[in-house]
């Protein structure tokens, strides 16, 4: 793909819109919908996390390890689950 872009060649390949924008250098944060095109199972699980009742979120035992500095000490709660999902999406799609 990179070689085709470098050589200015037209390549018929399906790209998710976020990936195309990323390659073109357009600043856009990846979304859960973008992730669903790349990893539907992970996107589904994260969507379920967002739709969980508030009292069930602490029972998951998840934390922010690997997503931000000191994340192993920060549990996922109903209040910060949106940030957790955003960081998971970014880590999966951007690295």
Foldseek 3Di string as FASTA:
>chain_A
DVVCVVVVHDDDDDDQPVVVCVVVVNDDQDDLVNVCVVPVVVSVVLVCLLVDDQVCQQVVQDWCVPQDVVTVVGGDHNVCSVVSSSSVRCVVPPD
